[in-house]
Amino acid sequence: YHRPIATEFAARLGASLRPVRMAKQHNGYDCGVFMLEATRELARRLAQEPRLRRESLHLDNLVADRQALQERLARI
């Protein structure tokens, strides 16, 4: 469903799509928390300078912490 949109977005950025391994949520209600944490972690890694070209962007060890997210958002 999202692949055509992601493909177009990547093309506009001059990037390519690559599969990335990601931890799986263990319940049916934290998908939004996982999405936000994954986006935050990817942005953090991509913003590091200099970044090694071969550095893994896999999120195998991603931990989605609902309470920590709520606390971060409360400070904004």
N, C-alpha and C. Protein backbone atom coordinates (compact mmCIF):
# COMPACT_ATOMS: atom_id res chain seq x y z
N TYR A 1 0.81 -1.20 0.00
CA TYR A 1 0.00 0.00 0.00
C TYR A 1 0.86 1.27 0.00
N HIS A 2 1.90 1.31 0.82
CA HIS A 2 2.73 2.51 0.95
C HIS A 2 3.92 2.54 0.01
N ARG A 3 4.21 1.42 -0.63
CA ARG A 3 5.42 1.34 -1.46
C ARG A 3 5.45 2.38 -2.58
N PRO A 4 4.35 2.59 -3.34
CA PRO A 4 4.41 3.62 -4.40
C PRO A 4 4.71 5.02 -3.85
N ILE A 5 4.15 5.34 -2.72
CA ILE A 5 4.38 6.66 -2.12
C ILE A 5 5.83 6.76 -1.66
N ALA A 6 6.32 5.72 -1.00
CA ALA A 6 7.71 5.71 -0.52
C ALA A 6 8.68 5.77 -1.69
N THR A 7 8.38 5.06 -2.77
CA THR A 7 9.24 5.06 -3.96
C THR A 7 9.31 6.46 -4.56
N GLU A 8 8.17 7.13 -4.67
CA GLU A 8 8.16 8.48 -5.23
C GLU A 8 8.91 9.45 -4.31
N PHE A 9 8.70 9.34 -3.02
CA PHE A 9 9.38 10.20 -2.06
C PHE A 9 10.89 10.00 -2.14
N ALA A 10 11.33 8.76 -2.20
CA ALA A 10 12.76 8.46 -2.30
C ALA A 10 13.34 9.04 -3.59
N ALA A 11 12.61 8.91 -4.68
CA ALA A 11 13.09 9.44 -5.97
C ALA A 11 13.26 10.96 -5.89
N ARG A 12 12.33 11.64 -5.25
CA ARG A 12 12.44 13.10 -5.11
C ARG A 12 13.65 13.51 -4.26
N LEU A 13 14.01 12.63 -3.33
CA LEU A 13 15.16 12.92 -2.48
C LEU A 13 16.47 12.41 -3.07
N GLY A 14 16.38 11.73 -4.20
CA GLY A 14 17.58 11.15 -4.80
C GLY A 14 18.10 9.97 -4.00
N ALA A 15 17.19 9.28 -3.32
CA ALA A 15 17.56 8.15 -2.47
C ALA A 15 17.00 6.86 -3.07
N SER A 16 17.37 5.76 -2.47
CA SER A 16 16.82 4.47 -2.90
C SER A 16 16.23 3.77 -1.69
N LEU A 17 15.26 2.92 -1.95
CA LEU A 17 14.64 2.16 -0.87
C LEU A 17 15.42 0.88 -0.63
N ARG A 18 15.64 0.58 0.64
CA ARG A 18 16.31 -0.66 1.02
C ARG A 18 15.56 -1.26 2.20
N PRO A 19 15.43 -2.57 2.21
CA PRO A 19 14.76 -3.20 3.37
C PRO A 19 15.59 -2.98 4.63
N VAL A 20 14.91 -2.76 5.72
CA VAL A 20 15.57 -2.57 7.01
C VAL A 20 14.90 -3.50 8.02
N ARG A 21 15.72 -4.23 8.75
CA ARG A 21 15.16 -5.08 9.81
C ARG A 21 14.73 -4.19 10.97
N MET A 22 13.61 -4.56 11.58
CA MET A 22 13.10 -3.77 12.69
C MET A 22 12.47 -4.69 13.72
N ALA A 23 12.62 -4.33 14.98
CA ALA A 23 11.99 -5.08 16.05
C ALA A 23 10.48 -5.04 15.84
N LYS A 24 9.81 -6.04 16.34
CA LYS A 24 8.35 -6.12 16.20
C LYS A 24 7.69 -5.79 17.54
N GLN A 25 6.58 -5.13 17.46
CA GLN A 25 5.84 -4.83 18.68
C GLN A 25 5.19 -6.12 19.20
N HIS A 26 4.99 -6.17 20.50
CA HIS A 26 4.46 -7.37 21.11
C HIS A 26 3.01 -7.23 21.55
N ASN A 27 2.35 -6.20 21.07
CA ASN A 27 0.94 -6.02 21.40
C ASN A 27 0.23 -5.40 20.20
N GLY A 28 -1.06 -5.21 20.30
CA GLY A 28 -1.83 -4.68 19.18
C GLY A 28 -2.13 -3.21 19.26
N TYR A 29 -1.43 -2.47 20.15
CA TYR A 29 -1.80 -1.07 20.32
C TYR A 29 -0.62 -0.09 20.30
N ASP A 30 0.60 -0.57 20.20
CA ASP A 30 1.76 0.34 20.22
C ASP A 30 2.34 0.62 18.84
N CYS A 31 1.58 0.42 17.76
CA CYS A 31 2.13 0.64 16.43
C CYS A 31 2.55 2.10 16.23
N GLY A 32 1.78 3.03 16.75
CA GLY A 32 2.13 4.44 16.63
C GLY A 32 3.39 4.78 17.40
N VAL A 33 3.53 4.21 18.59
CA VAL A 33 4.73 4.42 19.41
C VAL A 33 5.94 3.86 18.66
N PHE A 34 5.80 2.66 18.09
CA PHE A 34 6.90 2.07 17.33
C PHE A 34 7.28 2.94 16.14
N MET A 35 6.29 3.43 15.42
CA MET A 35 6.56 4.27 14.25
C MET A 35 7.31 5.54 14.65
N LEU A 36 6.87 6.19 15.72
CA LEU A 36 7.53 7.41 16.17
C LEU A 36 8.95 7.14 16.65
N GLU A 37 9.14 6.07 17.41
CA GLU A 37 10.48 5.74 17.90
C GLU A 37 11.42 5.36 16.75
N ALA A 38 10.91 4.61 15.78
CA ALA A 38 11.73 4.23 14.63
C ALA A 38 12.13 5.46 13.82
N THR A 39 11.19 6.35 13.59
CA THR A 39 11.48 7.58 12.84
C THR A 39 12.51 8.42 13.59
N ARG A 40 12.35 8.54 14.89
CA ARG A 40 13.28 9.32 15.70
C ARG A 40 14.69 8.72 15.65
N GLU A 41 14.79 7.41 15.76
CA GLU A 41 16.10 6.76 15.75
C GLU A 41 16.75 6.86 14.37
N LEU A 42 15.98 6.65 13.31
CA LEU A 42 16.55 6.79 11.96
C LEU A 42 17.03 8.21 11.70
N ALA A 43 16.24 9.19 12.11
CA ALA A 43 16.65 10.59 11.93
C ALA A 43 17.92 10.88 12.72
N ARG A 44 18.02 10.36 13.95
CA ARG A 44 19.21 10.56 14.76
C ARG A 44 20.43 9.99 14.08
N ARG A 45 20.31 8.77 13.55
CA ARG A 45 21.45 8.13 12.89
C ARG A 45 21.84 8.85 11.61
N LEU A 46 20.86 9.26 10.83
CA LEU A 46 21.15 9.92 9.56
C LEU A 46 21.74 11.30 9.76
N ALA A 47 21.44 11.94 10.89
CA ALA A 47 21.95 13.29 11.16
C ALA A 47 23.38 13.28 11.69
N GLN A 48 23.88 12.14 12.11
CA GLN A 48 25.24 12.07 12.63
C GLN A 48 26.24 12.39 11.52
N GLU A 49 27.22 13.18 11.85
CA GLU A 49 28.27 13.52 10.89
C GLU A 49 29.62 13.19 11.50
N PRO A 50 30.54 12.62 10.81
CA PRO A 50 30.29 11.93 9.55
C PRO A 50 29.67 10.56 9.82
N ARG A 51 28.90 10.10 8.89
CA ARG A 51 28.25 8.80 9.02
C ARG A 51 28.91 7.84 8.05
N LEU A 52 29.29 6.70 8.54
CA LEU A 52 29.89 5.70 7.67
C LEU A 52 28.86 5.20 6.67
N ARG A 53 29.25 5.08 5.42
CA ARG A 53 28.33 4.64 4.38
C ARG A 53 27.73 3.27 4.64
N ARG A 54 28.51 2.42 5.27
CA ARG A 54 28.04 1.05 5.50
C ARG A 54 27.39 0.88 6.88
N GLU A 55 27.24 1.95 7.60
CA GLU A 55 26.63 1.84 8.93
C GLU A 55 25.22 1.29 8.81
N SER A 56 24.91 0.36 9.64
CA SER A 56 23.61 -0.28 9.59
C SER A 56 22.51 0.67 10.06
N LEU A 57 21.42 0.66 9.35
CA LEU A 57 20.25 1.42 9.78
C LEU A 57 19.17 0.49 10.32
N HIS A 58 19.53 -0.78 10.50
CA HIS A 58 18.57 -1.75 11.01
C HIS A 58 18.16 -1.38 12.44
N LEU A 59 16.92 -1.66 12.75
CA LEU A 59 16.37 -1.31 14.05
C LEU A 59 15.95 -2.57 14.81
N ASP A 60 16.80 -3.59 14.74
CA ASP A 60 16.51 -4.86 15.41
C ASP A 60 16.28 -4.69 16.91
N ASN A 61 17.01 -3.77 17.50
CA ASN A 61 16.97 -3.60 18.96
C ASN A 61 16.09 -2.43 19.40
N LEU A 62 15.23 -1.95 18.53
CA LEU A 62 14.36 -0.82 18.87
C LEU A 62 13.47 -1.19 20.05
N VAL A 63 13.41 -0.30 21.01
CA VAL A 63 12.51 -0.48 22.15
C VAL A 63 11.56 0.70 22.15
N ALA A 64 10.28 0.40 22.01
CA ALA A 64 9.27 1.45 22.02
C ALA A 64 8.76 1.59 23.45
N ASP A 65 9.04 2.72 24.06
CA ASP A 65 8.67 2.96 25.44
C ASP A 65 7.60 4.06 25.47
N ARG A 66 6.36 3.64 25.66
CA ARG A 66 5.23 4.58 25.64
C ARG A 66 5.40 5.67 26.69
N GLN A 67 5.80 5.31 27.89
CA GLN A 67 5.96 6.30 28.98
C GLN A 67 7.04 7.32 28.64
N ALA A 68 8.17 6.88 28.12
CA ALA A 68 9.26 7.80 27.76
C ALA A 68 8.80 8.74 26.64
N LEU A 69 8.05 8.22 25.68
CA LEU A 69 7.52 9.06 24.60
C LEU A 69 6.57 10.13 25.16
N GLN A 70 5.68 9.73 26.05
CA GLN A 70 4.76 10.69 26.65
C GLN A 70 5.50 11.79 27.40
N GLU A 71 6.56 11.40 28.12
CA GLU A 71 7.34 12.40 28.85
C GLU A 71 8.06 13.36 27.92
N ARG A 72 8.61 12.84 26.81
CA ARG A 72 9.27 13.73 25.83
C ARG A 72 8.26 14.68 25.21
N LEU A 73 7.10 14.19 24.87
CA LEU A 73 6.09 15.03 24.24
C LEU A 73 5.54 16.07 25.22
N ALA A 74 5.48 15.76 26.48
CA ALA A 74 4.99 16.69 27.49
C ALA A 74 5.93 17.89 27.64
N ARG A 75 7.22 17.71 27.31
CA ARG A 75 8.20 18.80 27.43
C ARG A 75 8.16 19.75 26.24
N ILE A 76 7.48 19.37 25.20
CA ILE A 76 7.45 20.21 23.98
C ILE A 76 6.49 21.36 24.15
